[in-house]
Amino acid sequence: MSVHGSRWVDPAPLEIARPRLPWWTLLPRWVKVIISPVVLTWLVCWLLFQLGRVVVRYPLTVAVAVLVGWVQAAAGWWVLAFTLLAVVVVLGLWRWRHPLSFGRFVVPQPRTEFRRLSVYGCQWRMVMRLSDLVKTSRGKEYRPKLGRVRAEGWRDRVRVRMVKGQAPEQWELHASGLAHAFKARSCRVRVLKPGRLELDLVHRDPLVRPVPAPALADETATVDLKRVTVGQTETGKPWRLRLLGTHVLTVGVSGAGKGSLLWSIVWALVPLIRSGRVRLAGIDPKGGMELGQAPEVFGRVVFDNGPDAVALLEEIAATVKERASRYRGRLRAWTPETGDPFILLVVDELADVIAYQTDKNLRERANRAVQTITSQGRAPGVCVLGLLQDPRKEVVSFRHLFSTRIAMRCDEKAQVDMV
C-alpha cells in the first residue's frame, strides 16, 4: 500500500500475460521422433511450392540469375562481362532497327515482373487494409490474394482472388481509391469467374491518336455483315460491329464522334454498296450537314424531318412486311442468296424525327414506322442505325428494340445506364 494525501491507496495489480507455448512442445519425446519425418517432408514440400511460385511469377528474373551464376562459375567474370555487353548491344540494335517487334517480344515480360514487385507486391497488404478490403474473424486476418499481373504499357491487368463473402460491388466502390494508390488514372473491375476479379489499372489512353482508315476495298471483296470492322479497340485489336440481325443505337453529345462511327460503317460497306448487295437509306434532319457529305452512296436520302422523311420510313416498314411474307415458310432470316439487298437505314438525330417533330400526325407516323422496322426488320435483312444525343425514355421510348447500343461521350453518368 501507498499513502496518497491522508488516505491509503492500494496499488494497481500487476498483470503479466501468461506465456503460451505451441501445442507441439507439450508432446512426449517419442511422439516428436515419430512425426518429425512427416514435418520435415511437409516443410520441404512447402519450400518447393514457394520456390515454384517465385519461378512462375518471375521467370525471366530467375532465368537470368541462374544463367549469370552459371556463366560466372564456368568461365569467370571477364566472360560474364563480355556476354552481358554483347546482349546489351544486340538488344539495343534490335530496339533501334525494329522498335515494334522489340516492344512486342522483349519489353512486356521485364516490365511485368518489375511492376509486380515494385508496385503491387510491396504495398498490396497495406493498400488492401487502407481500402477496407480486408476482413478479420476470430483475430485472424483474411486478405485478398494477388494473382497474375500483366503490364501492357497503357494498363496493368491484375488478377485478384477475393475473400470469402466479398462481392465485386465492394471493389467497384473502392476502384477510385485503388487507382490513386497504385498511381493509375482509373481502375475498372471485371469479374472473371466466381471469386476471381481482374483489375484494369489504366495509365494512359491508347486511342489519343486517330486511327488511320484502311484501304478502300474493291467490289469483289467480301464483307461479313456480322463482323464489320469500324475501328480499333484499346488493346489494338479490330473493333467489329454486327449489323445483320440487329439494330444499332449510338448515343453521344455533340462532337462525341457519332459521325466517325457512321462513316466508318459506310467505308467498310463500300464494296457491298457498289455491287448492290447493300442499299443505304438515310434521313438527316440537319439539312444534310452530315449525310450530305456523300449523298451518292445512299439509294435514298432525305434532308429534313418532314413528310418525305416519314414517307421513307413507311416505305421501308412496308418492305419489311413484304419480305417477311415472301420468306414465310422458306427462310428464318435474310441471306445474300435471296437476291434482296441488305438495307441499312441511317437516321441522324433520331430524336428530331420521332420526338421533336412539331406536327403530331407526322410524329406519330414516324414512331409507328420506326417501331415496325426495329421490331420486325431483323429477320428480313433490315438494320436501323440511329444516332441521337438524348437517350431518355421520353425521347426514345422503344430503345429496348435496339439490341446493340453504343454509348460515346455523355453529359451525365446516368445516361450511360440509360443506354
Protein backbone atom coordinates (compact mmCIF):
# COMPACT_ATOMS: atom_id res chain seq x y z
CA MET A 1 0.00 0.00 0.00
CA SER A 2 0.98 3.66 -0.52
CA VAL A 3 -0.05 6.92 1.08
CA HIS A 4 -1.96 9.42 -1.05
CA GLY A 5 -2.60 12.55 1.00
CA SER A 6 -4.16 11.23 4.21
CA ARG A 7 -5.53 8.04 2.67
CA TRP A 8 -4.06 4.66 1.98
CA VAL A 9 -4.36 3.71 -1.72
CA ASP A 10 -3.98 0.14 -2.89
CA PRO A 11 -1.50 -0.17 -5.77
CA ALA A 12 -2.77 -1.37 -9.14
CA PRO A 13 -2.49 -5.11 -9.54
CA LEU A 14 0.40 -6.31 -11.70
CA GLU A 15 -0.93 -8.10 -14.78
CA ILE A 16 1.50 -10.22 -16.75
CA ALA A 17 0.38 -12.18 -19.77
CA ARG A 18 0.92 -15.87 -19.31
CA PRO A 19 3.27 -17.20 -21.98
CA ARG A 20 1.65 -19.66 -24.33
CA LEU A 21 3.78 -22.41 -25.77
CA PRO A 22 2.97 -24.10 -29.08
CA TRP A 23 0.91 -27.23 -28.59
CA TRP A 24 3.51 -29.48 -30.18
CA THR A 25 6.10 -28.58 -27.50
CA LEU A 26 3.94 -30.37 -24.96
CA LEU A 27 4.01 -33.65 -26.87
CA PRO A 28 6.06 -36.56 -25.48
CA ARG A 29 9.52 -37.06 -26.90
CA TRP A 30 8.67 -40.34 -28.63
CA VAL A 31 5.76 -38.67 -30.46
CA LYS A 32 8.08 -35.91 -31.70
CA VAL A 33 10.51 -38.52 -33.02
CA ILE A 34 7.71 -40.28 -34.91
CA ILE A 35 6.20 -37.18 -36.54
CA SER A 36 9.49 -35.39 -37.29
CA PRO A 37 9.92 -37.08 -40.75
CA VAL A 38 6.39 -36.04 -41.67
CA VAL A 39 7.06 -32.48 -40.55
CA LEU A 40 10.34 -32.32 -42.46
CA THR A 41 8.66 -33.69 -45.60
CA TRP A 42 5.90 -31.11 -45.31
CA LEU A 43 8.46 -28.34 -44.82
CA VAL A 44 10.43 -29.40 -47.90
CA CYS A 45 7.23 -29.55 -49.98
CA TRP A 46 6.23 -26.10 -48.74
CA LEU A 47 9.63 -24.65 -49.64
CA LEU A 48 9.46 -26.23 -53.11
CA PHE A 49 5.97 -24.82 -53.58
CA GLN A 50 7.13 -21.33 -52.63
CA LEU A 51 10.10 -21.65 -54.96
CA GLY A 52 7.74 -22.71 -57.74
CA ARG A 53 5.57 -19.65 -57.11
CA VAL A 54 8.62 -17.41 -57.40
CA VAL A 55 9.63 -19.09 -60.67
CA VAL A 56 6.12 -18.74 -62.10
CA ARG A 57 5.80 -15.09 -61.08
CA TYR A 58 9.34 -14.01 -62.03
CA PRO A 59 10.51 -16.48 -64.71
CA LEU A 60 12.78 -14.02 -66.52
CA THR A 61 14.45 -12.78 -63.33
CA VAL A 62 15.08 -16.33 -62.11
CA ALA A 63 16.37 -17.46 -65.52
CA VAL A 64 18.76 -14.50 -65.81
CA ALA A 65 20.03 -15.02 -62.26
CA VAL A 66 20.66 -18.74 -62.87
CA LEU A 67 22.34 -18.07 -66.22
CA VAL A 68 24.57 -15.34 -64.79
CA GLY A 69 25.62 -17.56 -61.92
CA TRP A 70 26.36 -20.49 -64.24
CA VAL A 71 28.44 -18.38 -66.69
CA GLN A 72 30.41 -16.79 -63.86
CA ALA A 73 31.11 -20.13 -62.23
CA ALA A 74 32.04 -21.83 -65.51
CA ALA A 75 34.03 -19.10 -67.29
CA GLY A 76 34.79 -16.30 -64.84
CA TRP A 77 33.96 -12.63 -64.50
CA TRP A 78 35.54 -11.45 -67.77
CA VAL A 79 33.49 -13.81 -69.91
CA LEU A 80 30.38 -12.82 -67.97
CA ALA A 81 31.08 -9.11 -68.56
CA PHE A 82 31.62 -9.60 -72.32
CA THR A 83 28.48 -11.74 -72.54
CA LEU A 84 26.37 -9.09 -70.83
CA LEU A 85 27.85 -6.41 -73.07
CA ALA A 86 27.02 -8.45 -76.18
CA VAL A 87 23.43 -8.97 -75.00
CA VAL A 88 23.01 -5.24 -74.35
CA VAL A 89 24.38 -4.38 -77.81
CA VAL A 90 22.09 -6.89 -79.55
CA LEU A 91 19.03 -5.62 -77.67
CA GLY A 92 19.97 -2.02 -78.43
CA LEU A 93 20.31 -2.74 -82.16
CA TRP A 94 17.01 -4.63 -82.13
CA ARG A 95 15.24 -1.71 -80.49
CA TRP A 96 16.80 0.73 -82.95
CA ARG A 97 16.05 -1.23 -86.11
CA HIS A 98 12.72 -2.84 -85.21
CA PRO A 99 11.08 -0.96 -82.32
CA LEU A 100 7.64 -2.52 -82.87
CA SER A 101 8.83 -6.11 -82.61
CA PHE A 102 11.12 -5.16 -79.72
CA GLY A 103 8.21 -3.66 -77.84
CA ARG A 104 6.10 -6.72 -78.57
CA PHE A 105 8.51 -9.54 -77.72
CA VAL A 106 11.13 -8.08 -75.34
CA VAL A 107 9.56 -5.33 -73.23
CA PRO A 108 6.37 -6.91 -71.77
CA GLN A 109 7.90 -9.58 -69.52
CA PRO A 110 10.58 -7.42 -67.81
CA ARG A 111 8.04 -4.64 -67.37
CA THR A 112 5.51 -7.07 -65.88
CA GLU A 113 7.96 -8.53 -63.37
CA PHE A 114 9.28 -5.10 -62.38
CA ARG A 115 5.82 -3.64 -61.80
CA ARG A 116 4.60 -6.70 -59.93
CA LEU A 117 7.48 -6.45 -57.47
CA SER A 118 7.84 -2.67 -57.16
CA VAL A 119 4.20 -1.54 -57.44
CA TYR A 120 1.91 -4.35 -56.32
CA GLY A 121 3.92 -6.87 -54.32
CA CYS A 122 5.45 -4.29 -51.97
CA GLN A 123 2.29 -2.44 -50.99
CA TRP A 124 -0.53 -4.90 -51.64
CA ARG A 125 -1.13 -5.66 -47.96
CA MET A 126 -1.15 -2.01 -46.92
CA VAL A 127 -3.47 -0.92 -49.76
CA MET A 128 -5.92 -3.72 -49.00
CA ARG A 129 -6.05 -2.71 -45.34
CA LEU A 130 -6.47 1.00 -46.00
CA SER A 131 -9.14 0.29 -48.63
CA ASP A 132 -11.20 -1.77 -46.14
CA LEU A 133 -10.97 -4.85 -48.34
CA VAL A 134 -9.50 -6.98 -45.53
CA LYS A 135 -11.72 -8.98 -43.19
CA THR A 136 -10.95 -10.20 -39.68
CA SER A 137 -12.52 -13.18 -37.95
CA ARG A 138 -11.51 -14.52 -34.52
CA GLY A 139 -8.33 -12.49 -34.59
CA LYS A 140 -7.24 -13.83 -37.99
CA GLU A 141 -6.87 -11.52 -40.97
CA TYR A 142 -8.22 -12.57 -44.35
CA ARG A 143 -6.74 -10.62 -47.23
CA PRO A 144 -7.47 -10.73 -51.00
CA LYS A 145 -4.71 -12.61 -52.78
CA LEU A 146 -2.69 -11.01 -55.54
CA GLY A 147 -2.70 -13.18 -58.64
CA ARG A 148 -1.22 -12.83 -62.11
CA VAL A 149 -0.05 -9.40 -63.23
CA ARG A 150 0.31 -8.33 -66.86
CA ALA A 151 1.77 -4.90 -67.67
CA GLU A 152 0.83 -3.73 -71.16
CA GLY A 153 2.26 -0.24 -71.04
CA TRP A 154 -1.00 1.67 -71.15
CA ARG A 155 -2.60 -0.52 -68.47
CA ASP A 156 -1.85 -3.20 -65.89
CA ARG A 157 -4.11 -6.24 -65.61
CA VAL A 158 -4.11 -7.52 -62.04
CA ARG A 159 -5.96 -10.69 -61.11
CA VAL A 160 -7.33 -10.98 -57.59
CA ARG A 161 -8.84 -13.79 -55.55
CA MET A 162 -11.50 -12.25 -53.34
CA VAL A 163 -12.02 -13.03 -49.69
CA LYS A 164 -14.92 -15.33 -48.91
CA GLY A 165 -18.09 -13.29 -48.57
CA GLN A 166 -16.90 -10.37 -50.70
CA ALA A 167 -18.82 -9.07 -53.70
CA PRO A 168 -17.48 -7.35 -56.84
CA GLU A 169 -19.58 -4.30 -55.96
CA GLN A 170 -17.33 -3.70 -52.94
CA TRP A 171 -14.33 -3.47 -55.25
CA GLU A 172 -16.18 -1.14 -57.62
CA LEU A 173 -16.86 1.22 -54.71
CA HIS A 174 -13.12 1.37 -53.97
CA ALA A 175 -11.99 1.49 -57.62
CA SER A 176 -11.07 5.18 -57.50
CA GLY A 177 -9.03 4.70 -54.31
CA LEU A 178 -7.21 1.71 -55.79
CA ALA A 179 -6.34 3.74 -58.89
CA HIS A 180 -4.77 6.51 -56.80
CA ALA A 181 -2.99 4.02 -54.54
CA PHE A 182 -1.30 2.32 -57.50
CA LYS A 183 -0.67 5.61 -59.38
CA ALA A 184 -3.13 4.88 -62.20
CA ARG A 185 -5.57 7.20 -63.97
CA SER A 186 -8.53 4.88 -63.49
CA CYS A 187 -9.42 1.39 -62.31
CA ARG A 188 -12.01 -0.89 -63.86
CA VAL A 189 -13.28 -4.06 -62.19
CA ARG A 190 -14.11 -7.10 -64.29
CA VAL A 191 -15.43 -10.43 -63.00
CA LEU A 192 -13.61 -13.44 -64.47
CA LYS A 193 -15.42 -16.19 -62.59
CA PRO A 194 -16.90 -16.71 -59.12
CA GLY A 195 -14.41 -15.42 -56.57
CA ARG A 196 -11.96 -14.07 -59.17
CA LEU A 197 -11.58 -10.49 -60.40
CA GLU A 198 -9.35 -8.66 -62.82
CA LEU A 199 -8.45 -5.04 -62.20
CA ASP A 200 -7.70 -2.87 -65.22
CA LEU A 201 -5.42 -0.11 -63.92
CA VAL A 202 -5.23 2.35 -66.81
CA HIS A 203 -2.20 4.66 -67.04
CA ARG A 204 -2.84 6.39 -70.38
CA ASP A 205 -5.31 6.49 -73.25
CA PRO A 206 -4.05 4.34 -76.15
CA LEU A 207 -6.58 5.90 -78.55
CA VAL A 208 -5.40 9.50 -78.32
CA ARG A 209 -4.05 9.45 -81.86
CA PRO A 210 -6.51 8.99 -84.74
CA VAL A 211 -6.63 5.52 -86.26
CA PRO A 212 -5.76 5.64 -89.98
CA ALA A 213 -8.52 4.50 -92.30
CA PRO A 214 -7.93 1.16 -94.05
CA ALA A 215 -7.52 0.97 -97.79
CA LEU A 216 -10.79 1.03 -99.73
CA ALA A 217 -11.64 -2.48 -100.92
CA ASP A 218 -12.85 -3.22 -104.45
CA GLU A 219 -16.26 -4.58 -105.45
CA THR A 220 -15.14 -8.21 -105.36
CA ALA A 221 -14.18 -8.04 -101.69
CA THR A 222 -16.43 -9.82 -99.22
CA VAL A 223 -17.63 -8.14 -96.04
CA ASP A 224 -19.17 -10.16 -93.22
CA LEU A 225 -22.22 -8.20 -92.07
CA LYS A 226 -21.91 -9.91 -88.69
CA ARG A 227 -18.34 -8.60 -88.20
CA VAL A 228 -17.97 -5.19 -89.84
CA THR A 229 -14.65 -3.58 -88.89
CA VAL A 230 -15.29 0.02 -87.84
CA GLY A 231 -12.27 0.90 -85.72
CA GLN A 232 -9.74 -0.25 -83.18
CA THR A 233 -10.10 -1.22 -79.53
CA GLU A 234 -7.86 -0.17 -76.65
CA THR A 235 -5.91 -3.39 -76.96
CA GLY A 236 -5.07 -2.70 -80.60
CA LYS A 237 -7.45 -5.33 -81.95
CA PRO A 238 -10.07 -4.51 -84.62
CA TRP A 239 -13.41 -3.26 -83.34
CA ARG A 240 -16.06 -5.19 -85.20
CA LEU A 241 -19.74 -4.30 -85.20
CA ARG A 242 -22.63 -6.61 -86.04
CA LEU A 243 -25.20 -5.23 -88.49
CA LEU A 244 -27.00 -8.36 -89.68
CA GLY A 245 -29.66 -9.45 -87.21
CA THR A 246 -29.56 -6.36 -85.01
CA HIS A 247 -30.29 -2.64 -84.80
CA VAL A 248 -27.72 -0.12 -83.57
CA LEU A 249 -28.40 2.89 -81.35
CA THR A 250 -25.50 5.29 -80.83
CA VAL A 251 -25.73 7.95 -78.12
CA GLY A 252 -23.35 10.83 -77.51
CA VAL A 253 -23.22 14.58 -77.08
CA SER A 254 -22.47 16.85 -79.99
CA GLY A 255 -18.88 16.28 -81.10
CA ALA A 256 -18.56 12.90 -79.38
CA GLY A 257 -17.73 11.10 -82.63
CA LYS A 258 -21.05 9.65 -83.79
CA GLY A 259 -20.29 10.81 -87.32
CA SER A 260 -16.96 8.98 -87.28
CA LEU A 261 -18.74 5.74 -86.41
CA LEU A 262 -21.32 6.33 -89.15
CA TRP A 263 -18.76 6.92 -91.89
CA SER A 264 -16.56 4.06 -90.68
CA ILE A 265 -19.51 1.73 -91.23
CA VAL A 266 -20.19 3.20 -94.67
CA TRP A 267 -16.49 2.94 -95.58
CA ALA A 268 -16.43 -0.75 -94.65
CA LEU A 269 -19.61 -1.44 -96.66
CA VAL A 270 -18.45 0.30 -99.86
CA PRO A 271 -17.71 -2.99 -101.74
CA LEU A 272 -21.22 -4.27 -101.00
CA ILE A 273 -22.80 -0.92 -101.85
CA ARG A 274 -21.06 -0.82 -105.24
CA SER A 275 -22.15 -4.35 -106.09
CA GLY A 276 -25.74 -3.71 -105.00
CA ARG A 277 -25.65 -6.23 -102.16
CA VAL A 278 -26.26 -3.45 -99.61
CA ARG A 279 -28.60 -0.49 -100.06
CA LEU A 280 -28.34 2.60 -97.87
CA ALA A 281 -31.22 4.88 -96.96
CA GLY A 282 -30.70 7.99 -94.88
CA ILE A 283 -32.54 10.74 -93.02
CA ASP A 284 -30.66 13.85 -91.91
CA PRO A 285 -32.89 16.41 -90.17
CA LYS A 286 -29.96 18.86 -90.00
CA GLY A 287 -30.46 19.75 -93.65
CA GLY A 288 -27.74 17.44 -94.93
CA MET A 289 -24.88 18.71 -92.79
CA GLU A 290 -23.88 15.08 -92.09
CA LEU A 291 -25.25 12.77 -94.79
CA GLY A 292 -24.90 15.48 -97.42
CA GLN A 293 -21.13 14.91 -97.43
CA ALA A 294 -21.59 11.80 -99.60
CA PRO A 295 -25.22 11.60 -100.82
CA GLU A 296 -24.20 9.43 -103.77
CA VAL A 297 -23.67 6.36 -101.57
CA PHE A 298 -27.33 6.41 -100.49
CA GLY A 299 -30.09 4.88 -102.54
CA ARG A 300 -32.48 7.39 -100.99
CA VAL A 301 -31.71 10.24 -98.62
CA VAL A 302 -33.91 12.94 -97.10
CA PHE A 303 -32.50 16.12 -95.57
CA ASP A 304 -35.35 17.06 -93.20
CA ASN A 305 -37.80 15.52 -90.72
CA GLY A 306 -40.94 16.35 -92.68
CA PRO A 307 -43.33 14.35 -94.87
CA ASP A 308 -40.57 12.99 -97.13
CA ALA A 309 -38.72 11.52 -94.16
CA VAL A 310 -41.88 9.90 -92.81
CA ALA A 311 -42.71 8.54 -96.26
CA LEU A 312 -39.25 6.94 -96.47
CA LEU A 313 -39.72 5.31 -93.06
CA GLU A 314 -43.15 3.96 -94.03
CA GLU A 315 -41.75 2.65 -97.32
CA ILE A 316 -39.03 0.69 -95.52
CA ALA A 317 -41.59 -0.58 -92.98
CA ALA A 318 -43.70 -1.83 -95.89
CA THR A 319 -40.60 -3.50 -97.38
CA VAL A 320 -40.05 -5.32 -94.07
CA LYS A 321 -43.58 -6.73 -94.13
CA GLU A 322 -43.37 -7.62 -97.84
CA ARG A 323 -40.11 -9.53 -97.39
CA ALA A 324 -41.46 -11.32 -94.33
CA SER A 325 -44.46 -12.54 -96.32
CA ARG A 326 -42.18 -13.81 -99.12
CA TYR A 327 -39.77 -15.55 -96.73
CA ARG A 328 -42.56 -17.17 -94.74
CA GLY A 329 -42.20 -20.96 -94.76
CA ARG A 330 -38.86 -20.82 -96.65
CA LEU A 331 -36.40 -18.82 -94.55
CA ARG A 332 -35.99 -17.83 -90.93
CA ALA A 333 -33.64 -14.95 -91.73
CA TRP A 334 -32.30 -12.98 -94.67
CA THR A 335 -29.28 -14.32 -96.57
CA PRO A 336 -27.45 -12.91 -99.60
CA GLU A 337 -28.81 -15.84 -101.63
CA THR A 338 -32.31 -14.33 -101.53
CA GLY A 339 -31.28 -11.77 -104.13
CA ASP A 340 -32.63 -8.91 -101.98
CA PRO A 341 -30.13 -6.26 -100.88
CA PHE A 342 -29.43 -5.77 -97.20
CA ILE A 343 -30.97 -2.43 -96.19
CA LEU A 344 -29.20 -0.13 -93.74
CA LEU A 345 -31.36 2.79 -92.64
CA VAL A 346 -29.29 5.64 -91.17
CA VAL A 347 -31.19 8.21 -89.10
CA ASP A 348 -29.02 11.06 -87.90
CA GLU A 349 -30.54 12.91 -84.92
CA LEU A 350 -33.25 10.28 -84.46
CA ALA A 351 -34.96 12.38 -81.79
CA ASP A 352 -35.74 15.09 -84.37
CA VAL A 353 -37.82 12.59 -86.33
CA ILE A 354 -39.70 10.77 -83.58
CA ALA A 355 -39.82 13.24 -80.66
CA TYR A 356 -39.07 16.84 -81.63
CA GLN A 357 -41.33 16.93 -84.70
CA THR A 358 -43.96 19.60 -84.04
CA ASP A 359 -46.58 18.04 -86.31
CA LYS A 360 -48.32 15.44 -84.15
CA ASN A 361 -49.53 13.38 -87.12
CA LEU A 362 -46.04 13.15 -88.66
CA ARG A 363 -44.51 12.37 -85.27
CA GLU A 364 -46.93 9.51 -84.60
CA ARG A 365 -46.48 8.08 -88.12
CA ALA A 366 -42.69 8.22 -87.77
CA ASN A 367 -42.85 6.47 -84.39
CA ARG A 368 -45.05 3.68 -85.75
CA ALA A 369 -42.81 3.16 -88.78
CA VAL A 370 -39.55 3.09 -86.80
CA GLN A 371 -41.04 0.72 -84.22
CA THR A 372 -42.23 -1.58 -87.00
CA ILE A 373 -38.77 -1.66 -88.57
CA THR A 374 -36.90 -2.19 -85.29
CA SER A 375 -39.28 -4.87 -84.03
CA GLN A 376 -39.66 -6.84 -87.29
CA GLY A 377 -36.77 -5.85 -89.56
CA ARG A 378 -34.05 -8.07 -88.09
CA ALA A 379 -35.03 -11.27 -89.91
CA PRO A 380 -35.93 -9.70 -93.33
CA GLY A 381 -32.48 -8.09 -93.61
CA VAL A 382 -33.12 -4.51 -92.49
CA CYS A 383 -30.96 -2.70 -89.93
CA VAL A 384 -31.53 0.71 -88.35
CA LEU A 385 -28.54 2.83 -87.33
CA GLY A 386 -29.92 5.55 -85.08
CA LEU A 387 -27.82 8.45 -83.81
CA LEU A 388 -29.03 10.77 -81.06
CA GLN A 389 -27.87 12.88 -78.13
CA ASP A 390 -30.60 12.31 -75.52
CA PRO A 391 -31.28 8.66 -74.59
CA ARG A 392 -34.13 9.27 -72.14
CA LYS A 393 -37.28 7.17 -72.40
CA GLU A 394 -39.28 10.34 -73.01
CA VAL A 395 -37.31 10.77 -76.23
CA VAL A 396 -36.85 7.15 -77.37
CA SER A 397 -39.48 5.07 -75.62
CA PHE A 398 -38.56 1.94 -77.61
CA ARG A 399 -34.78 1.97 -77.18
CA HIS A 400 -35.01 -1.65 -75.95
CA LEU A 401 -35.72 -2.62 -79.57
CA PHE A 402 -32.13 -1.65 -80.44
CA SER A 403 -30.24 -4.76 -79.39
CA THR A 404 -26.85 -3.09 -79.95
CA ARG A 405 -26.38 0.17 -78.05
CA ILE A 406 -23.20 2.24 -78.09
CA ALA A 407 -22.52 4.96 -75.52
CA MET A 408 -19.99 7.60 -76.52
CA ARG A 409 -19.17 10.73 -74.54
CA CYS A 410 -22.23 11.69 -72.48
CA ASP A 411 -23.10 14.68 -70.30
CA GLU A 412 -24.30 12.68 -67.29
CA LYS A 413 -23.34 9.37 -65.72
CA ALA A 414 -26.98 8.31 -65.65
CA GLN A 415 -27.13 8.48 -69.44
CA VAL A 416 -24.67 5.60 -69.71
CA ASP A 417 -27.05 3.40 -67.72
CA MET A 418 -29.92 4.52 -69.96
CA VAL A 419 -28.05 3.29 -73.00
